[in-house]
Amino acid sequence: MVNGIMHSKESINLEECSRKIIKGMVNRKRELVIPEKLKLLTLLNLLFPSLAEKIVMGKVKEQE
């Protein structure tokens, strides 16, 4: 729990996220997708934005 918010077991921890951001900055990446398993979602959003939105909103509702 961080700031009263429960995170799922799939959440990335702060240290790992920070390392990936710094690595992305060093490598001059324009975009980062963290966690990496969400890269597929960015492709899905390009091809089928309404489906991607439904998936994301479904996950948000699960967490509430």
PDB file of N, CA and C in Angstrom:
ATOM      1  N   MET A   1       0.854  -1.177   0.000  1.00  0.00           N
ATOM      2  CA  MET A   1       0.000   0.000   0.000  1.00  0.00           C
ATOM      3  C   MET A   1       0.899   1.239   0.000  1.00  0.00           C
ATOM      4  N   VAL A   2       0.596   2.173  -0.882  1.00  0.00           N
ATOM      5  CA  VAL A   2       1.331   3.436  -0.954  1.00  0.00           C
ATOM      6  C   VAL A   2       0.320   4.568  -0.907  1.00  0.00           C
ATOM      7  N   ASN A   3       0.501   5.487   0.030  1.00  0.00           N
ATOM      8  CA  ASN A   3      -0.414   6.628   0.184  1.00  0.00           C
ATOM      9  C   ASN A   3      -1.871   6.188   0.268  1.00  0.00           C
ATOM     10  N   GLY A   4      -2.112   5.073   0.946  1.00  0.00           N
ATOM     11  CA  GLY A   4      -3.480   4.596   1.117  1.00  0.00           C
ATOM     12  C   GLY A   4      -4.050   3.878  -0.091  1.00  0.00           C
ATOM     13  N   ILE A   5      -3.240   3.658  -1.124  1.00  0.00           N
ATOM     14  CA  ILE A   5      -3.716   2.992  -2.338  1.00  0.00           C
ATOM     15  C   ILE A   5      -3.117   1.594  -2.398  1.00  0.00           C
ATOM     16  N   MET A   6      -3.974   0.588  -2.548  1.00  0.00           N
ATOM     17  CA  MET A   6      -3.511  -0.785  -2.685  1.00  0.00           C
ATOM     18  C   MET A   6      -3.055  -1.008  -4.123  1.00  0.00           C
ATOM     19  N   HIS A   7      -1.922  -1.666  -4.279  1.00  0.00           N
ATOM     20  CA  HIS A   7      -1.420  -2.012  -5.600  1.00  0.00           C
ATOM     21  C   HIS A   7      -1.529  -3.517  -5.777  1.00  0.00           C
ATOM     22  N   SER A   8      -1.731  -3.946  -7.007  1.00  0.00           N
ATOM     23  CA  SER A   8      -1.851  -5.373  -7.267  1.00  0.00           C
ATOM     24  C   SER A   8      -0.474  -6.021  -7.243  1.00  0.00           C
ATOM     25  N   LYS A   9      -0.460  -7.343  -7.222  1.00  0.00           N
ATOM     26  CA  LYS A   9       0.808  -8.069  -7.239  1.00  0.00           C
ATOM     27  C   LYS A   9       1.540  -7.868  -8.559  1.00  0.00           C
ATOM     28  N   GLU A  10       0.835  -7.393  -9.579  1.00  0.00           N
ATOM     29  CA  GLU A  10       1.435  -7.150 -10.886  1.00  0.00           C
ATOM     30  C   GLU A  10       2.105  -5.776 -10.967  1.00  0.00           C
ATOM     31  N   SER A  11       1.951  -4.964  -9.946  1.00  0.00           N
ATOM     32  CA  SER A  11       2.526  -3.613  -9.958  1.00  0.00           C
ATOM     33  C   SER A  11       4.044  -3.674  -9.945  1.00  0.00           C
ATOM     34  N   ILE A  12       4.650  -2.691 -10.566  1.00  0.00           N
ATOM     35  CA  ILE A  12       6.108  -2.582 -10.590  1.00  0.00           C
ATOM     36  C   ILE A  12       6.528  -1.735  -9.384  1.00  0.00           C
ATOM     37  N   ASN A  13       7.642  -2.105  -8.748  1.00  0.00           N
ATOM     38  CA  ASN A  13       8.054  -1.331  -7.577  1.00  0.00           C
ATOM     39  C   ASN A  13       8.783  -0.058  -7.998  1.00  0.00           C
ATOM     40  N   LEU A  14       8.887   0.866  -7.075  1.00  0.00           N
ATOM     41  CA  LEU A  14       9.444   2.186  -7.344  1.00  0.00           C
ATOM     42  C   LEU A  14      10.889   2.126  -7.833  1.00  0.00           C
ATOM     43  N   GLU A  15      11.701   1.275  -7.215  1.00  0.00           N
ATOM     44  CA  GLU A  15      13.107   1.195  -7.592  1.00  0.00           C
ATOM     45  C   GLU A  15      13.269   0.698  -9.027  1.00  0.00           C
ATOM     46  N   GLU A  16      12.524  -0.343  -9.389  1.00  0.00           N
ATOM     47  CA  GLU A  16      12.611  -0.887 -10.748  1.00  0.00           C
ATOM     48  C   GLU A  16      12.127   0.138 -11.770  1.00  0.00           C
ATOM     49  N   CYS A  17      11.047   0.819 -11.452  1.00  0.00           N
ATOM     50  CA  CYS A  17      10.513   1.845 -12.344  1.00  0.00           C
ATOM     51  C   CYS A  17      11.531   2.971 -12.525  1.00  0.00           C
ATOM     52  N   SER A  18      12.144   3.398 -11.439  1.00  0.00           N
ATOM     53  CA  SER A  18      13.145   4.471 -11.504  1.00  0.00           C
ATOM     54  C   SER A  18      14.329   4.071 -12.367  1.00  0.00           C
ATOM     55  N   ARG A  19      14.795   2.830 -12.205  1.00  0.00           N
ATOM     56  CA  ARG A  19      15.916   2.348 -13.022  1.00  0.00           C
ATOM     57  C   ARG A  19      15.562   2.365 -14.505  1.00  0.00           C
ATOM     58  N   LYS A  20      14.354   1.933 -14.836  1.00  0.00           N
ATOM     59  CA  LYS A  20      13.943   1.900 -16.243  1.00  0.00           C
ATOM     60  C   LYS A  20      13.819   3.311 -16.816  1.00  0.00           C
ATOM     61  N   ILE A  21      13.346   4.247 -16.018  1.00  0.00           N
ATOM     62  CA  ILE A  21      13.242   5.636 -16.478  1.00  0.00           C
ATOM     63  C   ILE A  21      14.633   6.215 -16.732  1.00  0.00           C
ATOM     64  N   ILE A  22      15.550   6.008 -15.795  1.00  0.00           N
ATOM     65  CA  ILE A  22      16.910   6.525 -15.962  1.00  0.00           C
ATOM     66  C   ILE A  22      17.581   5.883 -17.167  1.00  0.00           C
ATOM     67  N   LYS A  23      17.423   4.569 -17.331  1.00  0.00           N
ATOM     68  CA  LYS A  23      17.998   3.883 -18.493  1.00  0.00           C
ATOM     69  C   LYS A  23      17.417   4.449 -19.789  1.00  0.00           C
ATOM     70  N   GLY A  24      16.122   4.710 -19.798  1.00  0.00           N
ATOM     71  CA  GLY A  24      15.492   5.299 -20.973  1.00  0.00           C
ATOM     72  C   GLY A  24      16.035   6.684 -21.275  1.00  0.00           C
ATOM     73  N   MET A  25      16.282   7.470 -20.235  1.00  0.00           N
ATOM     74  CA  MET A  25      16.849   8.811 -20.428  1.00  0.00           C
ATOM     75  C   MET A  25      18.269   8.726 -20.983  1.00  0.00           C
ATOM     76  N   VAL A  26      19.072   7.827 -20.425  1.00  0.00           N
ATOM     77  CA  VAL A  26      20.449   7.657 -20.891  1.00  0.00           C
ATOM     78  C   VAL A  26      20.462   7.233 -22.360  1.00  0.00           C
ATOM     79  N   ASN A  27      19.537   6.354 -22.726  1.00  0.00           N
ATOM     80  CA  ASN A  27      19.461   5.864 -24.108  1.00  0.00           C
ATOM     81  C   ASN A  27      18.623   6.771 -25.006  1.00  0.00           C
ATOM     82  N   ARG A  28      18.217   7.919 -24.466  1.00  0.00           N
ATOM     83  CA  ARG A  28      17.469   8.936 -25.215  1.00  0.00           C
ATOM     84  C   ARG A  28      16.201   8.373 -25.863  1.00  0.00           C
ATOM     85  N   LYS A  29      15.487   7.544 -25.107  1.00  0.00           N
ATOM     86  CA  LYS A  29      14.224   6.985 -25.587  1.00  0.00           C
ATOM     87  C   LYS A  29      13.154   8.062 -25.535  1.00  0.00           C
ATOM     88  N   ARG A  30      12.348   8.132 -26.568  1.00  0.00           N
ATOM     89  CA  ARG A  30      11.259   9.107 -26.603  1.00  0.00           C
ATOM     90  C   ARG A  30      10.058   8.603 -25.823  1.00  0.00           C
ATOM     91  N   GLU A  31       9.902   7.282 -25.747  1.00  0.00           N
ATOM     92  CA  GLU A  31       8.774   6.685 -25.028  1.00  0.00           C
ATOM     93  C   GLU A  31       9.260   5.509 -24.209  1.00  0.00           C
ATOM     94  N   LEU A  32       8.632   5.329 -23.068  1.00  0.00           N
ATOM     95  CA  LEU A  32       8.865   4.155 -22.238  1.00  0.00           C
ATOM     96  C   LEU A  32       7.516   3.536 -21.927  1.00  0.00           C
ATOM     97  N   VAL A  33       7.463   2.220 -21.967  1.00  0.00           N
ATOM     98  CA  VAL A  33       6.261   1.511 -21.550  1.00  0.00           C
ATOM     99  C   VAL A  33       6.668   0.657 -20.361  1.00  0.00           C
ATOM    100  N   ILE A  34       6.129   0.999 -19.213  1.00  0.00           N
ATOM    101  CA  ILE A  34       6.471   0.319 -17.968  1.00  0.00           C
ATOM    102  C   ILE A  34       5.171  -0.118 -17.305  1.00  0.00           C
ATOM    103  N   PRO A  35       4.988  -1.384 -16.995  1.00  0.00           N
ATOM    104  CA  PRO A  35       5.839  -2.530 -17.254  1.00  0.00           C
ATOM    105  C   PRO A  35       5.793  -2.946 -18.725  1.00  0.00           C
ATOM    106  N   GLU A  36       6.804  -3.702 -19.129  1.00  0.00           N
ATOM    107  CA  GLU A  36       6.965  -4.048 -20.534  1.00  0.00           C
ATOM    108  C   GLU A  36       5.798  -4.847 -21.097  1.00  0.00           C
ATOM    109  N   LYS A  37       5.086  -5.566 -20.242  1.00  0.00           N
ATOM    110  CA  LYS A  37       3.960  -6.356 -20.755  1.00  0.00           C
ATOM    111  C   LYS A  37       2.868  -5.464 -21.345  1.00  0.00           C
ATOM    112  N   LEU A  38       2.908  -4.176 -21.075  1.00  0.00           N
ATOM    113  CA  LEU A  38       1.910  -3.259 -21.632  1.00  0.00           C
ATOM    114  C   LEU A  38       2.259  -2.781 -23.035  1.00  0.00           C
ATOM    115  N   LYS A  39       3.417  -3.191 -23.561  1.00  0.00           N
ATOM    116  CA  LYS A  39       3.770  -2.806 -24.928  1.00  0.00           C
ATOM    117  C   LYS A  39       2.714  -3.284 -25.911  1.00  0.00           C
ATOM    118  N   LEU A  40       2.163  -4.447 -25.671  1.00  0.00           N
ATOM    119  CA  LEU A  40       1.117  -4.975 -26.540  1.00  0.00           C
ATOM    120  C   LEU A  40      -0.107  -4.071 -26.509  1.00  0.00           C
ATOM    121  N   LEU A  41      -0.385  -3.491 -25.362  1.00  0.00           N
ATOM    122  CA  LEU A  41      -1.533  -2.594 -25.244  1.00  0.00           C
ATOM    123  C   LEU A  41      -1.354  -1.345 -26.100  1.00  0.00           C
ATOM    124  N   THR A  42      -0.133  -0.840 -26.219  1.00  0.00           N
ATOM    125  CA  THR A  42       0.087   0.337 -27.063  1.00  0.00           C
ATOM    126  C   THR A  42      -0.178   0.013 -28.525  1.00  0.00           C
ATOM    127  N   LEU A  43       0.215  -1.176 -28.959  1.00  0.00           N
ATOM    128  CA  LEU A  43      -0.072  -1.608 -30.329  1.00  0.00           C
ATOM    129  C   LEU A  43      -1.574  -1.792 -30.517  1.00  0.00           C
ATOM    130  N   LEU A  44      -2.207  -2.414 -29.548  1.00  0.00           N
ATOM    131  CA  LEU A  44      -3.655  -2.610 -29.611  1.00  0.00           C
ATOM    132  C   LEU A  44      -4.372  -1.265 -29.677  1.00  0.00           C
ATOM    133  N   ASN A  45      -3.877  -0.287 -28.953  1.00  0.00           N
ATOM    134  CA  ASN A  45      -4.481   1.043 -28.958  1.00  0.00           C
ATOM    135  C   ASN A  45      -4.362   1.709 -30.327  1.00  0.00           C
ATOM    136  N   LEU A  46      -3.266   1.461 -31.023  1.00  0.00           N
ATOM    137  CA  LEU A  46      -3.113   2.012 -32.373  1.00  0.00           C
ATOM    138  C   LEU A  46      -4.100   1.381 -33.354  1.00  0.00           C
ATOM    139  N   LEU A  47      -4.300   0.080 -33.217  1.00  0.00           N
ATOM    140  CA  LEU A  47      -5.147  -0.643 -34.163  1.00  0.00           C
ATOM    141  C   LEU A  47      -6.627  -0.601 -33.788  1.00  0.00           C
ATOM    142  N   PHE A  48      -6.906  -0.768 -32.507  1.00  0.00           N
ATOM    143  CA  PHE A  48      -8.285  -0.849 -32.021  1.00  0.00           C
ATOM    144  C   PHE A  48      -8.436  -0.029 -30.739  1.00  0.00           C
ATOM    145  N   PRO A  49      -8.484   1.294 -30.853  1.00  0.00           N
ATOM    146  CA  PRO A  49      -8.506   2.134 -29.649  1.00  0.00           C
ATOM    147  C   PRO A  49      -9.691   1.872 -28.721  1.00  0.00           C
ATOM    148  N   SER A  50     -10.850   1.593 -29.264  1.00  0.00           N
ATOM    149  CA  SER A  50     -12.007   1.371 -28.388  1.00  0.00           C
ATOM    150  C   SER A  50     -11.852   0.075 -27.595  1.00  0.00           C
ATOM    151  N   LEU A  51     -11.271  -0.950 -28.198  1.00  0.00           N
ATOM    152  CA  LEU A  51     -11.027  -2.202 -27.484  1.00  0.00           C
ATOM    153  C   LEU A  51      -9.991  -1.991 -26.384  1.00  0.00           C
ATOM    154  N   ALA A  52      -8.935  -1.262 -26.689  1.00  0.00           N
ATOM    155  CA  ALA A  52      -7.908  -0.981 -25.685  1.00  0.00           C
ATOM    156  C   ALA A  52      -8.510  -0.223 -24.502  1.00  0.00           C
ATOM    157  N   GLU A  53      -9.378   0.735 -24.793  1.00  0.00           N
ATOM    158  CA  GLU A  53     -10.017   1.499 -23.719  1.00  0.00           C
ATOM    159  C   GLU A  53     -10.895   0.597 -22.858  1.00  0.00           C
ATOM    160  N   LYS A  54     -11.634  -0.311 -23.479  1.00  0.00           N
ATOM    161  CA  LYS A  54     -12.483  -1.238 -22.716  1.00  0.00           C
ATOM    162  C   LYS A  54     -11.644  -2.114 -21.796  1.00  0.00           C
ATOM    163  N   ILE A  55     -10.516  -2.590 -22.303  1.00  0.00           N
ATOM    164  CA  ILE A  55      -9.638  -3.433 -21.490  1.00  0.00           C
ATOM    165  C   ILE A  55      -9.106  -2.652 -20.294  1.00  0.00           C
ATOM    166  N   VAL A  56      -8.619  -1.444 -20.543  1.00  0.00           N
ATOM    167  CA  VAL A  56      -8.060  -0.622 -19.466  1.00  0.00           C
ATOM    168  C   VAL A  56      -9.135  -0.275 -18.444  1.00  0.00           C
ATOM    169  N   MET A  57     -10.296   0.146 -18.908  1.00  0.00           N
ATOM    170  CA  MET A  57     -11.362   0.522 -17.976  1.00  0.00           C
ATOM    171  C   MET A  57     -11.838  -0.684 -17.165  1.00  0.00           C
ATOM    172  N   GLY A  58     -11.841  -1.858 -17.777  1.00  0.00           N
ATOM    173  CA  GLY A  58     -12.191  -3.074 -17.040  1.00  0.00           C
ATOM    174  C   GLY A  58     -11.212  -3.344 -15.919  1.00  0.00           C
ATOM    175  N   LYS A  59      -9.923  -3.156 -16.192  1.00  0.00           N
ATOM    176  CA  LYS A  59      -8.898  -3.358 -15.164  1.00  0.00           C
ATOM    177  C   LYS A  59      -9.005  -2.309 -14.058  1.00  0.00           C
ATOM    178  N   VAL A  60      -9.323  -1.074 -14.440  1.00  0.00           N
ATOM    179  CA  VAL A  60      -9.489  -0.008 -13.444  1.00  0.00           C
ATOM    180  C   VAL A  60     -10.643  -0.353 -12.511  1.00  0.00           C
ATOM    181  N   LYS A  61     -11.748  -0.815 -13.070  1.00  0.00           N
ATOM    182  CA  LYS A  61     -12.914  -1.164 -12.246  1.00  0.00           C
ATOM    183  C   LYS A  61     -12.611  -2.333 -11.323  1.00  0.00           C
ATOM    184  N   GLU A  62     -11.787  -3.280 -11.786  1.00  0.00           N
ATOM    185  CA  GLU A  62     -11.390  -4.408 -10.931  1.00  0.00           C
ATOM    186  C   GLU A  62     -10.624  -3.917  -9.705  1.00  0.00           C
ATOM    187  N   GLN A  63      -9.845  -2.864  -9.865  1.00  0.00           N
ATOM    188  CA  GLN A  63      -8.996  -2.365  -8.784  1.00  0.00           C
ATOM    189  C   GLN A  63      -9.760  -1.500  -7.783  1.00  0.00           C
ATOM    190  N   GLU A  64     -10.925  -1.023  -8.164  1.00  0.00           N
ATOM    191  CA  GLU A  64     -11.683  -0.128  -7.265  1.00  0.00           C
ATOM    192  C   GLU A  64     -12.317  -0.870  -6.126  1.00  0.00           C
TER     193      GLU A  64
END
